[in-house]
């Protein structure tokens, strides 16, 4: 989806309504915009974790990598670039890293409050959201 076209934003508006994403913001990650906070923030994003709600990102500019765990607990690397939208289900282990460009601008969509508390592995294994995610995957298999 091209973030420079109005029809894309119409599709996003429809998706927000269908999924109940009631809050959105925008984040720009770069050394230039974050200064001394950049490296510590990236370290936090790279720690394997889950969230209690879906994680929704729409890349408006720049690029980076989301790593997610497959059903065999192996990493799958997803390159995200301008125009990509990624919806990671609640309870799915993931992490984020930048590429060599060190720049990404993304819209973030939330259900309810605009806070996604990370729950880190291995403690997250018994978190109710992780347990529910695993059960949903077993039903699909």
N, C-alpha and C. Protein backbone atom coordinates (compact mmCIF):
# COMPACT_ATOMS: atom_id res chain seq x y z
N UNK A 1 0.85 -1.18 0.00
CA UNK A 1 0.00 0.00 0.00
C UNK A 1 0.89 1.23 0.00
N UNK A 2 0.57 2.16 -0.84
CA UNK A 2 1.39 3.35 -0.97
C UNK A 2 0.94 4.43 0.01
N UNK A 3 1.79 4.77 1.00
CA UNK A 3 1.39 5.76 2.00
C UNK A 3 1.22 7.17 1.44
N UNK A 4 1.62 7.38 0.20
CA UNK A 4 1.49 8.69 -0.42
C UNK A 4 0.16 8.86 -1.16
N UNK A 5 -0.69 7.82 -1.13
CA UNK A 5 -1.97 7.87 -1.85
C UNK A 5 -3.14 7.84 -0.87
N UNK A 6 -4.14 8.66 -1.15
CA UNK A 6 -5.31 8.76 -0.28
C UNK A 6 -6.07 7.44 -0.18
N UNK A 7 -6.12 6.67 -1.26
CA UNK A 7 -6.87 5.41 -1.23
C UNK A 7 -6.28 4.42 -0.21
N UNK A 8 -4.98 4.51 0.01
CA UNK A 8 -4.35 3.67 1.04
C UNK A 8 -4.90 4.02 2.41
N UNK A 9 -5.00 5.29 2.69
CA UNK A 9 -5.49 5.72 4.00
C UNK A 9 -6.97 5.38 4.17
N UNK A 10 -7.73 5.33 3.07
CA UNK A 10 -9.12 4.88 3.13
C UNK A 10 -9.16 3.39 3.54
N UNK A 11 -8.25 2.59 2.97
CA UNK A 11 -8.17 1.16 3.32
C UNK A 11 -7.79 0.99 4.79
N UNK A 12 -6.86 1.81 5.25
CA UNK A 12 -6.43 1.73 6.65
C UNK A 12 -7.57 2.13 7.58
N UNK A 13 -8.31 3.16 7.20
CA UNK A 13 -9.46 3.59 8.01
C UNK A 13 -10.47 2.45 8.13
N UNK A 14 -10.73 1.76 7.03
CA UNK A 14 -11.67 0.64 7.03
C UNK A 14 -11.14 -0.49 7.92
N UNK A 15 -9.87 -0.80 7.82
CA UNK A 15 -9.25 -1.82 8.65
C UNK A 15 -9.35 -1.47 10.13
N UNK A 16 -9.08 -0.20 10.44
CA UNK A 16 -9.18 0.25 11.84
C UNK A 16 -10.58 0.02 12.37
N UNK A 17 -11.58 0.33 11.58
CA UNK A 17 -12.97 0.15 12.01
C UNK A 17 -13.31 -1.33 12.18
N UNK A 18 -12.88 -2.16 11.23
CA UNK A 18 -13.17 -3.59 11.29
C UNK A 18 -12.51 -4.27 12.48
N UNK A 19 -11.28 -3.90 12.76
CA UNK A 19 -10.51 -4.56 13.82
C UNK A 19 -10.64 -3.88 15.19
N UNK A 20 -11.25 -2.71 15.22
CA UNK A 20 -11.42 -2.02 16.49
C UNK A 20 -10.18 -1.28 16.97
N UNK A 21 -9.31 -0.90 16.04
CA UNK A 21 -8.13 -0.12 16.41
C UNK A 21 -8.60 1.32 16.65
N UNK A 22 -8.66 1.70 17.89
CA UNK A 22 -9.27 2.98 18.23
C UNK A 22 -8.25 4.09 18.49
N UNK A 23 -6.97 3.77 18.43
CA UNK A 23 -5.94 4.78 18.67
C UNK A 23 -4.78 4.51 17.72
N UNK A 24 -4.17 5.57 17.25
CA UNK A 24 -2.98 5.41 16.42
C UNK A 24 -2.00 6.52 16.72
N UNK A 25 -0.73 6.22 16.48
CA UNK A 25 0.29 7.25 16.54
C UNK A 25 1.35 6.93 15.50
N UNK A 26 2.39 7.68 15.52
CA UNK A 26 3.45 7.52 14.53
C UNK A 26 4.79 7.55 15.26
N UNK A 27 5.69 6.69 14.86
CA UNK A 27 7.00 6.64 15.48
C UNK A 27 8.07 6.72 14.38
N UNK A 28 9.10 7.50 14.64
CA UNK A 28 10.24 7.59 13.74
C UNK A 28 11.47 7.16 14.52
N UNK A 29 12.10 6.11 14.05
CA UNK A 29 13.31 5.61 14.70
C UNK A 29 14.52 5.93 13.83
N UNK A 30 15.42 6.72 14.39
CA UNK A 30 16.69 7.02 13.74
C UNK A 30 17.61 7.64 14.79
N UNK A 31 18.88 7.59 14.53
CA UNK A 31 19.83 8.22 15.45
C UNK A 31 19.58 9.73 15.50
N UNK A 32 19.20 10.29 14.37
CA UNK A 32 18.96 11.72 14.28
C UNK A 32 17.78 12.17 15.15
N UNK A 33 16.69 11.39 15.13
CA UNK A 33 15.50 11.80 15.87
C UNK A 33 15.55 11.43 17.35
N UNK A 34 16.30 10.37 17.69
CA UNK A 34 16.29 9.88 19.08
C UNK A 34 17.58 10.13 19.86
N UNK A 35 18.65 10.48 19.17
CA UNK A 35 19.91 10.78 19.86
C UNK A 35 20.39 9.64 20.74
N UNK A 36 20.68 9.95 22.02
CA UNK A 36 21.21 8.97 22.96
C UNK A 36 20.21 7.87 23.31
N UNK A 37 18.94 8.08 23.04
CA UNK A 37 17.92 7.07 23.35
C UNK A 37 17.85 5.97 22.29
N UNK A 38 18.47 6.20 21.14
CA UNK A 38 18.35 5.29 20.00
C UNK A 38 18.85 3.88 20.31
N UNK A 39 20.10 3.75 20.71
CA UNK A 39 20.69 2.43 20.94
C UNK A 39 19.98 1.66 22.05
N UNK A 40 19.72 2.28 23.22
CA UNK A 40 19.00 1.54 24.27
C UNK A 40 17.60 1.08 23.84
N UNK A 41 16.92 1.91 23.04
CA UNK A 41 15.59 1.55 22.56
C UNK A 41 15.66 0.34 21.63
N UNK A 42 16.64 0.34 20.73
CA UNK A 42 16.80 -0.79 19.82
C UNK A 42 17.12 -2.07 20.57
N UNK A 43 17.92 -1.97 21.62
CA UNK A 43 18.21 -3.16 22.44
C UNK A 43 16.93 -3.72 23.04
N UNK A 44 16.06 -2.86 23.49
CA UNK A 44 14.78 -3.29 24.06
C UNK A 44 13.92 -3.97 23.00
N UNK A 45 13.83 -3.38 21.81
CA UNK A 45 13.02 -3.95 20.73
C UNK A 45 13.55 -5.31 20.28
N UNK A 46 14.85 -5.54 20.42
CA UNK A 46 15.45 -6.78 19.91
C UNK A 46 15.31 -7.94 20.89
N UNK A 47 14.93 -7.68 22.13
CA UNK A 47 14.70 -8.77 23.08
C UNK A 47 13.40 -9.47 22.70
N UNK A 48 13.46 -10.78 22.63
CA UNK A 48 12.30 -11.57 22.26
C UNK A 48 11.18 -11.38 23.27
N UNK A 49 9.98 -11.05 22.76
CA UNK A 49 8.87 -10.74 23.65
C UNK A 49 7.51 -10.98 22.97
N UNK A 50 6.47 -10.88 23.79
CA UNK A 50 5.08 -10.93 23.31
C UNK A 50 4.36 -9.70 23.86
N UNK A 51 3.15 -9.47 23.34
CA UNK A 51 2.27 -8.43 23.85
C UNK A 51 0.89 -9.04 24.10
N UNK A 52 0.11 -8.36 24.93
CA UNK A 52 -1.25 -8.82 25.24
C UNK A 52 -2.24 -8.52 24.11
N UNK A 53 -1.89 -7.60 23.23
CA UNK A 53 -2.72 -7.26 22.08
C UNK A 53 -1.92 -7.44 20.80
N UNK A 54 -2.62 -7.49 19.67
CA UNK A 54 -1.93 -7.55 18.38
C UNK A 54 -0.98 -6.36 18.26
N UNK A 55 0.12 -6.58 17.55
CA UNK A 55 1.04 -5.48 17.24
C UNK A 55 0.86 -5.14 15.77
N UNK A 56 0.47 -3.91 15.50
CA UNK A 56 0.17 -3.48 14.14
C UNK A 56 1.10 -2.34 13.76
N UNK A 57 1.81 -2.52 12.65
CA UNK A 57 2.74 -1.51 12.15
C UNK A 57 2.49 -1.29 10.66
N UNK A 58 2.45 -0.02 10.27
CA UNK A 58 2.35 0.34 8.86
C UNK A 58 3.53 1.23 8.53
N UNK A 59 4.43 0.73 7.70
CA UNK A 59 5.67 1.44 7.39
C UNK A 59 5.39 2.54 6.37
N UNK A 60 5.63 3.76 6.78
CA UNK A 60 5.38 4.91 5.91
C UNK A 60 6.64 5.37 5.20
N UNK A 61 7.80 4.99 5.74
CA UNK A 61 9.07 5.34 5.12
C UNK A 61 10.16 4.52 5.81
N UNK A 62 11.27 4.32 5.09
CA UNK A 62 12.38 3.59 5.68
C UNK A 62 12.15 2.08 5.64
N UNK A 63 12.91 1.37 6.51
CA UNK A 63 12.86 -0.09 6.48
C UNK A 63 13.48 -0.66 7.75
N UNK A 64 13.24 -1.95 7.93
CA UNK A 64 13.79 -2.67 9.07
C UNK A 64 13.38 -4.13 9.01
N UNK A 65 13.56 -4.85 10.13
CA UNK A 65 13.26 -6.28 10.17
C UNK A 65 12.44 -6.63 11.40
N UNK A 66 11.39 -7.40 11.19
CA UNK A 66 10.68 -8.05 12.28
C UNK A 66 11.01 -9.53 12.18
N UNK A 67 11.41 -10.11 13.28
CA UNK A 67 11.62 -11.55 13.37
C UNK A 67 10.47 -12.12 14.18
N UNK A 68 9.87 -13.19 13.66
CA UNK A 68 8.79 -13.86 14.37
C UNK A 68 9.13 -15.34 14.47
N UNK A 69 8.55 -16.01 15.46
CA UNK A 69 8.77 -17.45 15.65
C UNK A 69 7.73 -18.24 14.86
N UNK A 70 8.20 -19.31 14.17
CA UNK A 70 7.26 -20.18 13.47
C UNK A 70 6.76 -21.28 14.42
N UNK A 71 5.97 -22.21 13.91
CA UNK A 71 5.38 -23.25 14.76
C UNK A 71 6.43 -24.20 15.34
N UNK A 72 7.63 -24.23 14.75
CA UNK A 72 8.72 -25.05 15.26
C UNK A 72 9.68 -24.25 16.12
N UNK A 73 9.29 -23.04 16.49
CA UNK A 73 10.07 -22.14 17.34
C UNK A 73 11.35 -21.65 16.65
N UNK A 74 11.34 -21.61 15.33
CA UNK A 74 12.47 -21.09 14.56
C UNK A 74 12.15 -19.67 14.11
N UNK A 75 13.19 -18.85 13.99
CA UNK A 75 12.98 -17.47 13.56
C UNK A 75 12.67 -17.39 12.07
N UNK A 76 11.76 -16.52 11.74
CA UNK A 76 11.49 -16.11 10.36
C UNK A 76 11.73 -14.61 10.32
N UNK A 77 12.57 -14.17 9.41
CA UNK A 77 12.87 -12.74 9.29
C UNK A 77 12.00 -12.13 8.20
N UNK A 78 11.31 -11.06 8.56
CA UNK A 78 10.46 -10.33 7.62
C UNK A 78 11.05 -8.95 7.41
N UNK A 79 11.41 -8.65 6.18
CA UNK A 79 11.87 -7.31 5.86
C UNK A 79 10.65 -6.44 5.64
N UNK A 80 10.60 -5.31 6.32
CA UNK A 80 9.50 -4.37 6.11
C UNK A 80 10.06 -3.10 5.48
N UNK A 81 9.37 -2.62 4.47
CA UNK A 81 9.78 -1.42 3.74
C UNK A 81 8.55 -0.53 3.57
N UNK A 82 8.75 0.63 3.01
CA UNK A 82 7.67 1.58 2.79
C UNK A 82 6.48 0.90 2.13
N UNK A 83 5.31 1.04 2.77
CA UNK A 83 4.08 0.47 2.24
C UNK A 83 3.68 -0.86 2.86
N UNK A 84 4.56 -1.48 3.65
CA UNK A 84 4.25 -2.76 4.29
C UNK A 84 3.41 -2.54 5.54
N UNK A 85 2.44 -3.43 5.72
CA UNK A 85 1.69 -3.47 6.97
C UNK A 85 1.87 -4.86 7.56
N UNK A 86 2.16 -4.88 8.86
CA UNK A 86 2.39 -6.13 9.56
C UNK A 86 1.47 -6.18 10.78
N UNK A 87 0.73 -7.27 10.91
CA UNK A 87 -0.12 -7.48 12.07
C UNK A 87 0.32 -8.78 12.73
N UNK A 88 0.96 -8.64 13.89
CA UNK A 88 1.43 -9.81 14.65
C UNK A 88 0.40 -10.10 15.72
N UNK A 89 -0.07 -11.34 15.79
CA UNK A 89 -1.09 -11.66 16.80
C UNK A 89 -0.54 -11.60 18.22
N UNK A 90 -1.41 -11.26 19.15
CA UNK A 90 -1.05 -11.27 20.57
C UNK A 90 -0.52 -12.65 20.94
N UNK A 91 0.56 -12.67 21.71
CA UNK A 91 1.13 -13.94 22.17
C UNK A 91 2.20 -14.52 21.27
N UNK A 92 2.43 -13.94 20.08
CA UNK A 92 3.46 -14.42 19.17
C UNK A 92 4.80 -13.80 19.54
N UNK A 93 5.81 -14.64 19.75
CA UNK A 93 7.15 -14.11 20.04
C UNK A 93 7.70 -13.39 18.82
N UNK A 94 8.29 -12.24 19.08
CA UNK A 94 8.86 -11.44 18.00
C UNK A 94 9.93 -10.51 18.55
N UNK A 95 10.63 -9.87 17.62
CA UNK A 95 11.62 -8.84 17.95
C UNK A 95 11.77 -7.96 16.71
N UNK A 96 12.37 -6.79 16.89
CA UNK A 96 12.55 -5.85 15.79
C UNK A 96 13.99 -5.38 15.77
N UNK A 97 14.51 -5.19 14.56
CA UNK A 97 15.85 -4.60 14.39
C UNK A 97 15.86 -3.72 13.16
N UNK A 98 16.77 -2.78 13.18
CA UNK A 98 16.93 -1.88 12.05
C UNK A 98 17.83 -2.54 11.00
N UNK A 99 17.77 -2.02 9.79
CA UNK A 99 18.73 -2.44 8.77
C UNK A 99 19.84 -1.39 8.69
N UNK A 100 20.68 -1.47 7.70
CA UNK A 100 21.84 -0.58 7.61
C UNK A 100 21.47 0.89 7.39
N UNK A 101 20.23 1.15 6.98
CA UNK A 101 19.80 2.54 6.76
C UNK A 101 19.53 3.27 8.07
N UNK A 102 19.28 2.52 9.15
CA UNK A 102 19.01 3.09 10.47
C UNK A 102 17.90 4.14 10.46
N UNK A 103 16.82 3.84 9.73
CA UNK A 103 15.69 4.78 9.67
C UNK A 103 14.41 4.02 9.33
N UNK A 104 13.39 4.28 10.13
CA UNK A 104 12.06 3.78 9.82
C UNK A 104 11.03 4.73 10.42
N UNK A 105 9.97 4.95 9.69
CA UNK A 105 8.83 5.75 10.16
C UNK A 105 7.60 4.86 9.98
N UNK A 106 6.88 4.65 11.09
CA UNK A 106 5.75 3.73 11.02
C UNK A 106 4.57 4.24 11.82
N UNK A 107 3.38 3.94 11.29
CA UNK A 107 2.17 4.16 12.04
C UNK A 107 1.95 2.97 12.95
N UNK A 108 1.46 3.24 14.15
CA UNK A 108 1.17 2.17 15.10
C UNK A 108 -0.31 2.26 15.46
N UNK A 109 -0.97 1.13 15.45
CA UNK A 109 -2.40 1.08 15.73
C UNK A 109 -2.63 0.28 17.00
N UNK A 110 -3.55 0.74 17.82
CA UNK A 110 -3.80 0.13 19.12
C UNK A 110 -5.29 -0.16 19.32
N UNK A 111 -5.55 -1.20 20.08
CA UNK A 111 -6.88 -1.46 20.60
C UNK A 111 -6.84 -0.99 22.04
N UNK A 112 -7.69 -0.04 22.39
CA UNK A 112 -7.68 0.47 23.76
C UNK A 112 -6.54 1.44 23.98
N UNK A 113 -5.88 1.30 25.11
CA UNK A 113 -4.81 2.23 25.48
C UNK A 113 -3.60 2.06 24.58
N UNK A 114 -2.83 3.13 24.45
CA UNK A 114 -1.69 3.13 23.53
C UNK A 114 -0.40 2.65 24.18
N UNK A 115 -0.51 1.59 24.97
CA UNK A 115 0.68 1.05 25.62
C UNK A 115 0.73 -0.45 25.35
N UNK A 116 1.85 -0.90 24.84
CA UNK A 116 2.06 -2.33 24.65
C UNK A 116 3.20 -2.74 25.55
N UNK A 117 2.85 -3.35 26.64
CA UNK A 117 3.87 -3.80 27.57
C UNK A 117 4.49 -5.08 27.03
N UNK A 118 5.81 -5.11 26.88
CA UNK A 118 6.44 -6.35 26.43
C UNK A 118 6.56 -7.34 27.58
N UNK A 119 6.34 -8.59 27.28
CA UNK A 119 6.54 -9.69 28.22
C UNK A 119 7.62 -10.56 27.61
N UNK A 120 8.77 -10.64 28.29
CA UNK A 120 9.95 -11.27 27.73
C UNK A 120 10.01 -12.77 28.02
N UNK A 121 10.61 -13.47 27.08
CA UNK A 121 10.86 -14.89 27.22
C UNK A 121 12.01 -15.10 28.18
N UNK A 122 12.03 -16.05 29.06
CA UNK A 122 11.14 -17.21 29.18
C UNK A 122 9.94 -16.99 30.10
N UNK A 123 9.91 -15.89 30.85
CA UNK A 123 8.81 -15.67 31.79
C UNK A 123 7.45 -15.63 31.09
N UNK A 124 7.42 -15.20 29.85
CA UNK A 124 6.16 -15.06 29.12
C UNK A 124 5.53 -16.40 28.75
N UNK A 125 6.25 -17.49 28.88
CA UNK A 125 5.71 -18.81 28.50
C UNK A 125 4.41 -19.14 29.21
N UNK A 126 4.25 -18.66 30.45
CA UNK A 126 3.04 -18.97 31.22
C UNK A 126 2.04 -17.81 31.22
N UNK A 127 2.35 -16.74 30.50
CA UNK A 127 1.44 -15.60 30.44
C UNK A 127 0.15 -16.04 29.74
N UNK A 128 -1.02 -15.63 30.27
CA UNK A 128 -2.30 -16.05 29.66
C UNK A 128 -2.41 -15.76 28.16
N UNK A 129 -1.83 -14.67 27.70
CA UNK A 129 -1.88 -14.34 26.27
C UNK A 129 -1.09 -15.36 25.45
N UNK A 130 0.06 -15.77 25.95
CA UNK A 130 0.88 -16.78 25.25
C UNK A 130 0.16 -18.13 25.25
N UNK A 131 -0.41 -18.50 26.37
CA UNK A 131 -1.14 -19.77 26.47
C UNK A 131 -2.31 -19.78 25.48
N UNK A 132 -3.05 -18.68 25.41
CA UNK A 132 -4.18 -18.59 24.47
C UNK A 132 -3.70 -18.65 23.03
N UNK A 133 -2.58 -17.99 22.73
CA UNK A 133 -2.04 -18.03 21.37
C UNK A 133 -1.69 -19.47 20.98
N UNK A 134 -1.01 -20.19 21.86
CA UNK A 134 -0.63 -21.58 21.56
C UNK A 134 -1.85 -22.45 21.35
N UNK A 135 -2.88 -22.26 22.16
CA UNK A 135 -4.11 -23.03 21.99
C UNK A 135 -4.75 -22.74 20.63
N UNK A 136 -4.74 -21.47 20.22
CA UNK A 136 -5.33 -21.11 18.92
C UNK A 136 -4.55 -21.75 17.78
N UNK A 137 -3.24 -21.88 17.93
CA UNK A 137 -2.41 -22.50 16.89
C UNK A 137 -2.67 -24.01 16.82
N UNK A 138 -2.91 -24.64 17.96
CA UNK A 138 -3.21 -26.07 17.98
C UNK A 138 -4.52 -26.35 17.27
N UNK A 139 -5.51 -25.47 17.47
CA UNK A 139 -6.81 -25.65 16.81
C UNK A 139 -6.68 -25.53 15.30
N UNK A 140 -5.81 -24.63 14.83
CA UNK A 140 -5.62 -24.43 13.40
C UNK A 140 -4.89 -25.59 12.75
N UNK A 141 -4.05 -26.28 13.53
CA UNK A 141 -3.24 -27.38 12.99
C UNK A 141 -4.04 -28.60 12.75
